[in-house]
Amino acid sequence: MMRDMPGQTEEIHQQDMEILKEMGYPQKISNIYRNFQLAVCAPFPGTRMYEELITQYGEDALNDFKKYDGSSETIMRDINI
């Protein structure tokens, strides 16, 4: 699953998390954990998404490269606000 896609709000993210809960994630089955991976969106330079976001928000909005590492603070959270 991917988080912080263009236009994704916190409400949409919470709906996604509810869907995962309804599907039984995370769940322990006979000492085996069933889990999911949550990745964050990062529009790296040279990708189509990066070029589209530059057109929409300007290059300055995407130049904080410390926020491209996939940690809790991401460049897409700044844009989606």
C-alpha atoms as a PDB file:
ATOM      1  CA  MET A   1       0.000   0.000   0.000  1.00  0.00           C
ATOM      2  CA  MET A   2       1.223   3.505  -0.713  1.00  0.00           C
ATOM      3  CA  ARG A   3       0.586   6.624   1.324  1.00  0.00           C
ATOM      4  CA  ASP A   4       0.798  10.322   0.444  1.00  0.00           C
ATOM      5  CA  MET A   5      -0.157   9.957  -3.200  1.00  0.00           C
ATOM      6  CA  PRO A   6      -1.042  13.233  -4.971  1.00  0.00           C
ATOM      7  CA  GLY A   7      -4.375  14.461  -3.641  1.00  0.00           C
ATOM      8  CA  GLN A   8      -4.595  11.863  -0.870  1.00  0.00           C
ATOM      9  CA  THR A   9      -5.977  13.325   2.341  1.00  0.00           C
ATOM     10  CA  GLU A  10      -5.648  12.007   5.884  1.00  0.00           C
ATOM     11  CA  GLU A  11      -9.313  10.954   5.647  1.00  0.00           C
ATOM     12  CA  ILE A  12      -8.575   8.816   2.573  1.00  0.00           C
ATOM     13  CA  HIS A  13      -5.566   7.289   4.333  1.00  0.00           C
ATOM     14  CA  GLN A  14      -7.717   6.397   7.357  1.00  0.00           C
ATOM     15  CA  GLN A  15     -10.268   4.746   5.047  1.00  0.00           C
ATOM     16  CA  ASP A  16      -7.443   2.691   3.529  1.00  0.00           C
ATOM     17  CA  MET A  17      -6.326   1.619   7.001  1.00  0.00           C
ATOM     18  CA  GLU A  18      -9.892   0.553   7.842  1.00  0.00           C
ATOM     19  CA  ILE A  19      -9.997  -1.584   4.692  1.00  0.00           C
ATOM     20  CA  LEU A  20      -6.799  -3.310   5.802  1.00  0.00           C
ATOM     21  CA  LYS A  21      -8.295  -3.986   9.240  1.00  0.00           C
ATOM     22  CA  GLU A  22     -11.418  -5.448   7.609  1.00  0.00           C
ATOM     23  CA  MET A  23      -9.159  -7.703   5.531  1.00  0.00           C
ATOM     24  CA  GLY A  24      -7.530  -8.985   8.715  1.00  0.00           C
ATOM     25  CA  TYR A  25      -4.234  -7.069   8.768  1.00  0.00           C
ATOM     26  CA  PRO A  26      -2.211  -7.302  10.929  1.00  0.00           C
ATOM     27  CA  GLN A  27      -3.204 -10.735  12.160  1.00  0.00           C
ATOM     28  CA  LYS A  28      -1.482 -13.590  13.960  1.00  0.00           C
ATOM     29  CA  ILE A  29      -2.294 -17.039  12.572  1.00  0.00           C
ATOM     30  CA  SER A  30      -0.629 -20.012  14.305  1.00  0.00           C
ATOM     31  CA  ASN A  31       2.494 -18.070  15.362  1.00  0.00           C
ATOM     32  CA  ILE A  32       2.780 -16.522  11.880  1.00  0.00           C
ATOM     33  CA  TYR A  33       2.127 -12.820  11.558  1.00  0.00           C
ATOM     34  CA  ARG A  34       0.205 -11.676   8.495  1.00  0.00           C
ATOM     35  CA  ASN A  35       1.172  -8.083   7.844  1.00  0.00           C
ATOM     36  CA  PHE A  36       1.278  -5.359   5.185  1.00  0.00           C
ATOM     37  CA  GLN A  37       3.828  -2.837   3.979  1.00  0.00           C
ATOM     38  CA  LEU A  38       3.025   0.859   3.885  1.00  0.00           C
ATOM     39  CA  ALA A  39       5.305   2.855   1.587  1.00  0.00           C
ATOM     40  CA  VAL A  40       5.281   6.620   1.135  1.00  0.00           C
ATOM     41  CA  CYS A  41       5.125   8.258  -2.257  1.00  0.00           C
ATOM     42  CA  ALA A  42       8.318  10.001  -3.356  1.00  0.00           C
ATOM     43  CA  PRO A  43       8.315  11.761  -6.756  1.00  0.00           C
ATOM     44  CA  PHE A  44      12.007  11.438  -7.617  1.00  0.00           C
ATOM     45  CA  PRO A  45      13.577  13.791 -10.179  1.00  0.00           C
ATOM     46  CA  GLY A  46      13.377  12.379 -13.673  1.00  0.00           C
ATOM     47  CA  THR A  47      10.023  10.664 -13.146  1.00  0.00           C
ATOM     48  CA  ARG A  48       6.782  11.659 -14.819  1.00  0.00           C
ATOM     49  CA  MET A  49       5.191  12.402 -11.426  1.00  0.00           C
ATOM     50  CA  TYR A  50       8.040  14.789 -10.525  1.00  0.00           C
ATOM     51  CA  GLU A  51       7.647  16.677 -13.816  1.00  0.00           C
ATOM     52  CA  GLU A  52       3.862  16.896 -13.381  1.00  0.00           C
ATOM     53  CA  LEU A  53       4.222  18.192  -9.827  1.00  0.00           C
ATOM     54  CA  ILE A  54       6.777  20.809 -10.921  1.00  0.00           C
ATOM     55  CA  THR A  55       4.247  22.050 -13.472  1.00  0.00           C
ATOM     56  CA  GLN A  56       1.552  22.179 -10.815  1.00  0.00           C
ATOM     57  CA  TYR A  57       3.466  23.466  -7.755  1.00  0.00           C
ATOM     58  CA  GLY A  58       6.770  24.829  -9.058  1.00  0.00           C
ATOM     59  CA  GLU A  59      10.293  23.516  -8.601  1.00  0.00           C
ATOM     60  CA  ASP A  60      10.801  25.211  -5.229  1.00  0.00           C
ATOM     61  CA  ALA A  61       8.035  23.073  -3.691  1.00  0.00           C
ATOM     62  CA  LEU A  62       9.983  19.895  -4.539  1.00  0.00           C
ATOM     63  CA  ASN A  63      13.554  20.898  -3.668  1.00  0.00           C
ATOM     64  CA  ASP A  64      13.710  19.739  -0.027  1.00  0.00           C
ATOM     65  CA  PHE A  65      15.508  16.471  -0.764  1.00  0.00           C
ATOM     66  CA  LYS A  66      15.758  15.580   2.947  1.00  0.00           C
ATOM     67  CA  LYS A  67      12.069  14.644   2.622  1.00  0.00           C
ATOM     68  CA  TYR A  68      12.649  11.981  -0.044  1.00  0.00           C
ATOM     69  CA  ASP A  69      13.901   9.245   2.286  1.00  0.00           C
ATOM     70  CA  GLY A  70      10.496   7.729   3.054  1.00  0.00           C
ATOM     71  CA  SER A  71      10.508   8.649   6.722  1.00  0.00           C
ATOM     72  CA  SER A  72       7.586  10.157   8.607  1.00  0.00           C
ATOM     73  CA  GLU A  73       8.031  13.597   7.022  1.00  0.00           C
ATOM     74  CA  THR A  74       7.709  13.432   3.236  1.00  0.00           C
ATOM     75  CA  ILE A  75       7.656  15.919   0.403  1.00  0.00           C
ATOM     76  CA  MET A  76       4.160  14.768  -0.597  1.00  0.00           C
ATOM     77  CA  ARG A  77       2.720  15.651   2.820  1.00  0.00           C
ATOM     78  CA  ASP A  78       3.865  19.221   2.233  1.00  0.00           C
ATOM     79  CA  ILE A  79       2.152  19.287  -1.165  1.00  0.00           C
ATOM     80  CA  ASN A  80      -1.069  17.538  -0.087  1.00  0.00           C
ATOM     81  CA  ILE A  81      -1.736  20.007   2.744  1.00  0.00           C
END
